[in-house]
N, C-alpha and C. Protein backbone atom coordinates (compact mmCIF):
# COMPACT_ATOMS: atom_id res chain seq x y z
N UNK A 1 268.35 105.91 207.00
CA UNK A 1 269.61 106.35 207.58
C UNK A 1 269.38 106.65 209.07
N UNK A 2 270.24 106.10 209.88
CA UNK A 2 270.16 106.29 211.32
C UNK A 2 271.13 107.40 211.74
N UNK A 3 270.61 108.35 212.52
CA UNK A 3 271.45 109.40 213.10
C UNK A 3 271.21 109.38 214.60
N UNK A 4 272.25 109.10 215.36
CA UNK A 4 272.13 109.00 216.81
C UNK A 4 272.14 110.40 217.43
N UNK A 5 271.24 110.62 218.37
CA UNK A 5 271.23 111.91 219.05
C UNK A 5 272.32 111.92 220.12
N UNK A 6 272.72 113.11 220.53
CA UNK A 6 273.72 113.26 221.57
C UNK A 6 275.15 113.13 221.10
N UNK A 7 275.35 112.97 219.79
CA UNK A 7 276.70 112.87 219.22
C UNK A 7 277.01 114.15 218.46
N UNK A 8 278.27 114.32 218.13
CA UNK A 8 278.73 115.40 217.27
C UNK A 8 279.12 114.79 215.93
N UNK A 9 278.93 115.56 214.86
CA UNK A 9 279.16 115.04 213.51
C UNK A 9 280.01 115.99 212.68
N UNK A 10 280.76 115.40 211.72
CA UNK A 10 281.55 116.19 210.79
C UNK A 10 280.94 116.13 209.40
N UNK A 11 281.35 117.04 208.54
CA UNK A 11 280.91 117.02 207.14
C UNK A 11 281.55 115.87 206.37
N UNK A 12 282.57 115.25 206.97
CA UNK A 12 283.22 114.09 206.36
C UNK A 12 282.62 112.79 206.86
N UNK A 13 281.54 112.88 207.65
CA UNK A 13 280.76 111.74 208.11
C UNK A 13 281.44 110.90 209.19
N UNK A 14 282.20 111.58 210.05
CA UNK A 14 282.67 110.95 211.28
C UNK A 14 281.77 111.44 212.42
N UNK A 15 281.68 110.64 213.48
CA UNK A 15 280.93 111.06 214.66
C UNK A 15 281.84 111.04 215.88
N UNK A 16 281.44 111.81 216.90
CA UNK A 16 282.18 111.91 218.16
C UNK A 16 281.18 111.76 219.30
N UNK A 17 281.52 110.91 220.25
CA UNK A 17 280.73 110.78 221.48
C UNK A 17 281.65 111.13 222.64
N UNK A 18 281.29 112.14 223.38
CA UNK A 18 282.11 112.61 224.48
C UNK A 18 281.83 111.81 225.75
N UNK A 19 282.90 111.32 226.38
CA UNK A 19 282.83 110.64 227.68
C UNK A 19 283.90 111.26 228.56
N UNK A 20 283.52 112.32 229.30
CA UNK A 20 284.51 113.06 230.09
C UNK A 20 285.42 113.83 229.17
N UNK A 21 286.74 113.61 229.31
CA UNK A 21 287.69 114.28 228.41
C UNK A 21 288.20 113.35 227.32
N UNK A 22 287.49 112.22 227.13
CA UNK A 22 287.82 111.27 226.08
C UNK A 22 286.66 111.23 225.09
N UNK A 23 286.98 111.18 223.81
CA UNK A 23 285.97 111.12 222.77
C UNK A 23 286.10 109.81 222.00
N UNK A 24 284.98 109.12 221.83
CA UNK A 24 284.92 107.98 220.92
C UNK A 24 284.70 108.54 219.53
N UNK A 25 285.38 107.96 218.54
CA UNK A 25 285.28 108.43 217.16
C UNK A 25 284.93 107.24 216.27
N UNK A 26 284.00 107.47 215.35
CA UNK A 26 283.62 106.44 214.39
C UNK A 26 283.11 107.08 213.12
N UNK A 27 282.62 106.24 212.20
CA UNK A 27 282.00 106.77 210.99
C UNK A 27 280.49 106.61 211.12
N UNK A 28 279.76 107.43 210.40
CA UNK A 28 278.31 107.46 210.51
C UNK A 28 277.63 106.36 209.69
N UNK A 29 276.35 106.19 209.96
CA UNK A 29 275.53 105.26 209.19
C UNK A 29 275.50 105.69 207.72
N UNK A 30 275.41 106.98 207.47
CA UNK A 30 275.43 107.50 206.10
C UNK A 30 276.71 107.05 205.40
N UNK A 31 277.86 107.19 206.08
CA UNK A 31 279.14 106.83 205.48
C UNK A 31 279.23 105.34 205.19
N UNK A 32 278.80 104.51 206.15
CA UNK A 32 278.92 103.07 205.91
C UNK A 32 277.98 102.62 204.79
N UNK A 33 276.82 103.28 204.62
CA UNK A 33 275.94 102.96 203.50
C UNK A 33 276.59 103.34 202.17
N UNK A 34 277.25 104.50 202.14
CA UNK A 34 277.91 104.94 200.93
C UNK A 34 279.05 104.00 200.55
N UNK A 35 279.79 103.52 201.56
CA UNK A 35 280.93 102.64 201.29
C UNK A 35 280.49 101.24 200.88
N UNK A 36 279.43 100.72 201.47
CA UNK A 36 279.02 99.34 201.23
C UNK A 36 279.75 98.42 202.20
N UNK A 37 279.93 97.18 201.83
CA UNK A 37 280.53 96.18 202.72
C UNK A 37 281.97 96.52 203.05
N UNK A 38 282.22 96.83 204.32
CA UNK A 38 283.55 97.23 204.76
C UNK A 38 284.42 95.99 204.96
N UNK A 39 285.62 96.03 204.37
CA UNK A 39 286.51 94.87 204.40
C UNK A 39 287.81 95.14 205.16
N UNK A 40 288.12 96.42 205.44
CA UNK A 40 289.38 96.73 206.12
C UNK A 40 289.28 98.10 206.78
N UNK A 41 289.82 98.20 208.00
CA UNK A 41 289.93 99.48 208.69
C UNK A 41 291.37 99.62 209.17
N UNK A 42 292.05 100.67 208.70
CA UNK A 42 293.39 100.98 209.18
C UNK A 42 293.23 101.81 210.45
N UNK A 43 293.63 101.23 211.58
CA UNK A 43 293.49 101.88 212.87
C UNK A 43 294.73 102.71 213.20
N UNK A 44 294.54 103.84 213.89
CA UNK A 44 295.70 104.60 214.36
C UNK A 44 296.39 103.83 215.49
N UNK A 45 297.54 104.30 215.92
CA UNK A 45 298.28 103.68 217.02
C UNK A 45 297.98 104.42 218.32
N UNK A 46 297.91 103.68 219.42
CA UNK A 46 297.78 104.30 220.73
C UNK A 46 298.98 105.23 220.94
N UNK A 47 298.74 106.37 221.51
CA UNK A 47 299.71 107.45 221.78
C UNK A 47 300.00 108.33 220.57
N UNK A 48 299.42 108.03 219.39
CA UNK A 48 299.54 108.94 218.25
C UNK A 48 298.76 110.21 218.55
N UNK A 49 299.32 111.36 218.21
CA UNK A 49 298.64 112.64 218.40
C UNK A 49 298.14 113.16 217.06
N UNK A 50 296.95 113.76 217.09
CA UNK A 50 296.33 114.28 215.88
C UNK A 50 295.77 115.67 216.13
N UNK A 51 295.78 116.48 215.08
CA UNK A 51 295.05 117.74 215.08
C UNK A 51 293.71 117.47 214.41
N UNK A 52 292.72 118.31 214.69
CA UNK A 52 291.43 118.19 214.01
C UNK A 52 291.66 118.25 212.50
N UNK A 53 290.98 117.36 211.79
CA UNK A 53 291.01 117.23 210.33
C UNK A 53 292.24 116.50 209.80
N UNK A 54 293.13 116.00 210.68
CA UNK A 54 294.23 115.13 210.23
C UNK A 54 293.67 113.79 209.77
N UNK A 55 294.33 113.19 208.79
CA UNK A 55 293.99 111.84 208.37
C UNK A 55 294.46 110.88 209.47
N UNK A 56 293.55 110.06 210.00
CA UNK A 56 293.94 109.13 211.06
C UNK A 56 293.81 107.67 210.65
N UNK A 57 293.51 107.42 209.39
CA UNK A 57 293.42 106.05 208.91
C UNK A 57 292.60 105.97 207.64
N UNK A 58 292.47 104.76 207.16
CA UNK A 58 291.72 104.49 205.93
C UNK A 58 290.69 103.42 206.21
N UNK A 59 289.55 103.55 205.56
CA UNK A 59 288.53 102.52 205.64
C UNK A 59 288.25 102.06 204.22
N UNK A 60 288.23 100.74 204.01
CA UNK A 60 288.06 100.20 202.67
C UNK A 60 286.84 99.31 202.62
N UNK A 61 286.13 99.42 201.49
CA UNK A 61 284.98 98.55 201.24
C UNK A 61 285.22 97.82 199.93
N UNK A 62 284.26 97.02 199.53
CA UNK A 62 284.41 96.30 198.27
C UNK A 62 284.38 97.26 197.08
N UNK A 63 283.88 98.49 197.27
CA UNK A 63 283.80 99.41 196.15
C UNK A 63 284.64 100.68 196.27
N UNK A 64 285.20 100.97 197.44
CA UNK A 64 285.93 102.22 197.59
C UNK A 64 286.84 102.19 198.80
N UNK A 65 287.82 103.08 198.80
CA UNK A 65 288.65 103.33 199.99
C UNK A 65 288.50 104.81 200.32
N UNK A 66 288.45 105.11 201.62
CA UNK A 66 288.23 106.48 202.03
C UNK A 66 289.11 106.81 203.23
N UNK A 67 289.70 108.01 203.21
CA UNK A 67 290.45 108.48 204.36
C UNK A 67 289.48 108.87 205.47
N UNK A 68 289.88 108.64 206.70
CA UNK A 68 289.11 109.09 207.85
C UNK A 68 289.83 110.30 208.43
N UNK A 69 289.07 111.36 208.71
CA UNK A 69 289.64 112.60 209.22
C UNK A 69 289.24 112.80 210.67
N UNK A 70 290.22 113.07 211.51
CA UNK A 70 289.99 113.22 212.94
C UNK A 70 289.14 114.46 213.20
N UNK A 71 288.02 114.30 213.91
CA UNK A 71 287.15 115.44 214.18
C UNK A 71 287.68 116.41 215.23
N UNK A 72 288.56 115.96 216.11
CA UNK A 72 289.05 116.76 217.23
C UNK A 72 290.55 116.55 217.40
N UNK A 73 291.20 117.46 218.11
CA UNK A 73 292.63 117.33 218.40
C UNK A 73 292.83 116.53 219.68
N UNK A 74 293.88 115.71 219.71
CA UNK A 74 294.17 114.96 220.92
C UNK A 74 295.10 113.79 220.66
N UNK A 75 295.15 112.89 221.65
CA UNK A 75 296.03 111.73 221.62
C UNK A 75 295.21 110.46 221.74
N UNK A 76 295.50 109.49 220.88
CA UNK A 76 294.78 108.21 220.90
C UNK A 76 295.09 107.47 222.19
N UNK A 77 294.04 107.04 222.90
CA UNK A 77 294.21 106.27 224.13
C UNK A 77 293.77 104.82 223.97
N UNK A 78 292.97 104.53 222.93
CA UNK A 78 292.52 103.17 222.69
C UNK A 78 292.02 103.05 221.27
N UNK A 79 292.20 101.87 220.67
CA UNK A 79 291.62 101.56 219.36
C UNK A 79 290.73 100.34 219.50
N UNK A 80 289.75 100.24 218.63
CA UNK A 80 288.83 99.11 218.65
C UNK A 80 289.44 97.95 217.87
N UNK A 81 290.18 97.12 218.57
CA UNK A 81 290.91 96.02 217.93
C UNK A 81 289.99 94.96 217.34
N UNK A 82 288.73 94.92 217.75
CA UNK A 82 287.77 93.98 217.15
C UNK A 82 287.64 94.22 215.65
N UNK A 83 287.89 95.46 215.22
CA UNK A 83 287.76 95.78 213.80
C UNK A 83 288.86 95.16 212.96
N UNK A 84 290.00 94.82 213.59
CA UNK A 84 291.06 94.10 212.86
C UNK A 84 290.54 92.76 212.34
N UNK A 85 289.79 92.06 213.20
CA UNK A 85 289.28 90.74 212.84
C UNK A 85 287.97 90.80 212.07
N UNK A 86 287.16 91.83 212.32
CA UNK A 86 285.83 91.90 211.71
C UNK A 86 285.45 93.35 211.41
N UNK A 87 286.04 93.93 210.34
CA UNK A 87 285.73 95.33 210.02
C UNK A 87 284.26 95.56 209.67
N UNK A 88 283.57 94.50 209.25
CA UNK A 88 282.16 94.62 208.88
C UNK A 88 281.26 94.91 210.08
N UNK A 89 281.81 94.86 211.30
CA UNK A 89 281.02 95.26 212.47
C UNK A 89 280.47 96.67 212.28
N UNK A 90 281.22 97.52 211.60
CA UNK A 90 280.77 98.89 211.36
C UNK A 90 279.49 98.89 210.53
N UNK A 91 279.38 97.98 209.57
CA UNK A 91 278.15 97.89 208.78
C UNK A 91 276.96 97.50 209.64
N UNK A 92 277.19 96.68 210.66
CA UNK A 92 276.11 96.24 211.54
C UNK A 92 275.57 97.37 212.39
N UNK A 93 276.45 98.13 213.02
CA UNK A 93 276.05 99.29 213.82
C UNK A 93 277.23 100.22 213.96
N UNK A 94 277.29 101.25 213.11
CA UNK A 94 278.45 102.15 213.13
C UNK A 94 278.55 102.99 214.40
N UNK A 95 277.45 103.10 215.17
CA UNK A 95 277.50 103.91 216.38
C UNK A 95 277.94 103.11 217.60
N UNK A 96 277.79 101.80 217.55
CA UNK A 96 278.29 100.93 218.62
C UNK A 96 279.74 100.54 218.38
N UNK A 97 280.12 100.46 217.13
CA UNK A 97 281.45 99.98 216.75
C UNK A 97 282.35 101.15 216.38
N UNK A 98 282.79 101.84 217.41
CA UNK A 98 283.68 102.99 217.28
C UNK A 98 285.04 102.54 216.76
N UNK A 99 285.82 103.49 216.27
CA UNK A 99 287.14 103.18 215.70
C UNK A 99 288.25 103.43 216.71
N UNK A 100 288.20 104.57 217.39
CA UNK A 100 289.24 104.89 218.36
C UNK A 100 288.68 105.79 219.45
N UNK A 101 289.46 105.90 220.53
CA UNK A 101 289.17 106.84 221.60
C UNK A 101 290.35 107.80 221.66
N UNK A 102 290.03 109.09 221.79
CA UNK A 102 291.06 110.12 221.79
C UNK A 102 290.85 111.03 223.00
N UNK A 103 291.94 111.28 223.71
CA UNK A 103 291.90 112.23 224.83
C UNK A 103 291.97 113.63 224.23
N UNK A 104 290.95 114.42 224.48
CA UNK A 104 290.84 115.74 223.87
C UNK A 104 291.93 116.69 224.36
N UNK A 105 292.50 117.44 223.42
CA UNK A 105 293.39 118.55 223.76
C UNK A 105 292.58 119.80 224.07
N UNK A 106 291.47 119.96 223.34
CA UNK A 106 290.71 121.20 223.44
C UNK A 106 289.23 120.91 223.19
N UNK A 107 288.42 120.96 224.23
CA UNK A 107 286.98 120.69 224.11
C UNK A 107 286.30 121.67 223.17
N UNK A 108 286.91 122.84 222.93
CA UNK A 108 286.34 123.82 222.00
C UNK A 108 286.25 123.27 220.58
N UNK A 109 287.04 122.24 220.25
CA UNK A 109 286.95 121.61 218.92
C UNK A 109 285.52 121.14 218.65
N UNK A 110 284.82 120.73 219.68
CA UNK A 110 283.46 120.20 219.53
C UNK A 110 282.50 121.27 219.00
N UNK A 111 282.79 122.53 219.28
CA UNK A 111 281.93 123.62 218.84
C UNK A 111 281.93 123.76 217.31
N UNK A 112 282.94 123.20 216.65
CA UNK A 112 283.03 123.26 215.19
C UNK A 112 282.22 122.16 214.52
N UNK A 113 281.69 121.22 215.30
CA UNK A 113 280.97 120.06 214.75
C UNK A 113 279.46 120.28 214.78
N UNK A 114 278.73 119.45 214.05
CA UNK A 114 277.28 119.54 213.96
C UNK A 114 276.61 118.66 215.01
N UNK A 115 275.41 119.07 215.45
CA UNK A 115 274.59 118.19 216.27
C UNK A 115 273.77 117.29 215.34
N UNK A 116 272.96 116.40 215.90
CA UNK A 116 272.22 115.43 215.10
C UNK A 116 271.29 116.10 214.09
N UNK A 117 270.58 117.13 214.51
CA UNK A 117 269.66 117.82 213.61
C UNK A 117 270.38 118.50 212.46
N UNK A 118 271.48 119.16 212.77
CA UNK A 118 272.28 119.83 211.73
C UNK A 118 272.87 118.80 210.76
N UNK A 119 273.31 117.67 211.31
CA UNK A 119 273.89 116.63 210.45
C UNK A 119 272.83 116.02 209.54
N UNK A 120 271.63 115.80 210.07
CA UNK A 120 270.56 115.25 209.25
C UNK A 120 270.25 116.19 208.08
N UNK A 121 270.16 117.49 208.35
CA UNK A 121 269.91 118.46 207.28
C UNK A 121 271.05 118.44 206.26
N UNK A 122 272.29 118.34 206.74
CA UNK A 122 273.46 118.27 205.85
C UNK A 122 273.37 117.04 204.95
N UNK A 123 273.04 115.89 205.51
CA UNK A 123 272.94 114.65 204.72
C UNK A 123 271.80 114.73 203.70
N UNK A 124 270.69 115.34 204.07
CA UNK A 124 269.58 115.50 203.14
C UNK A 124 269.97 116.36 201.96
N UNK A 125 270.81 117.36 202.19
CA UNK A 125 271.30 118.20 201.09
C UNK A 125 272.24 117.42 200.20
N UNK A 126 273.04 116.52 200.78
CA UNK A 126 274.02 115.74 200.00
C UNK A 126 273.37 114.64 199.19
N UNK A 127 272.24 114.12 199.66
CA UNK A 127 271.60 112.95 199.02
C UNK A 127 271.01 113.28 197.67
């Protein structure tokens, strides 16, 4: 299992990478392994606003469908449209193939998330 340093993580296996006041959001390597071959990603719409822990889409694999929960509050500024054509990109590298970018409403939301070490310990407990 790959855990990228410098990211923030949720207990629902989403990750956040901060770039100024915009956060890239995706699912973790742990999550994509649990799902298996990803066949569909429901992307949010640009300009949609979300609160932390809101459902922002669904990800489907050959064996399961799972809701994705927004790790932070804000407004969607971009979605990764490459996933419409090739959702399996997430299986190749879930940290390079982000799902959306969100302009943060409140940077304090990040304080509620785990760092890489905390996330690794959390995953070891779940395994």
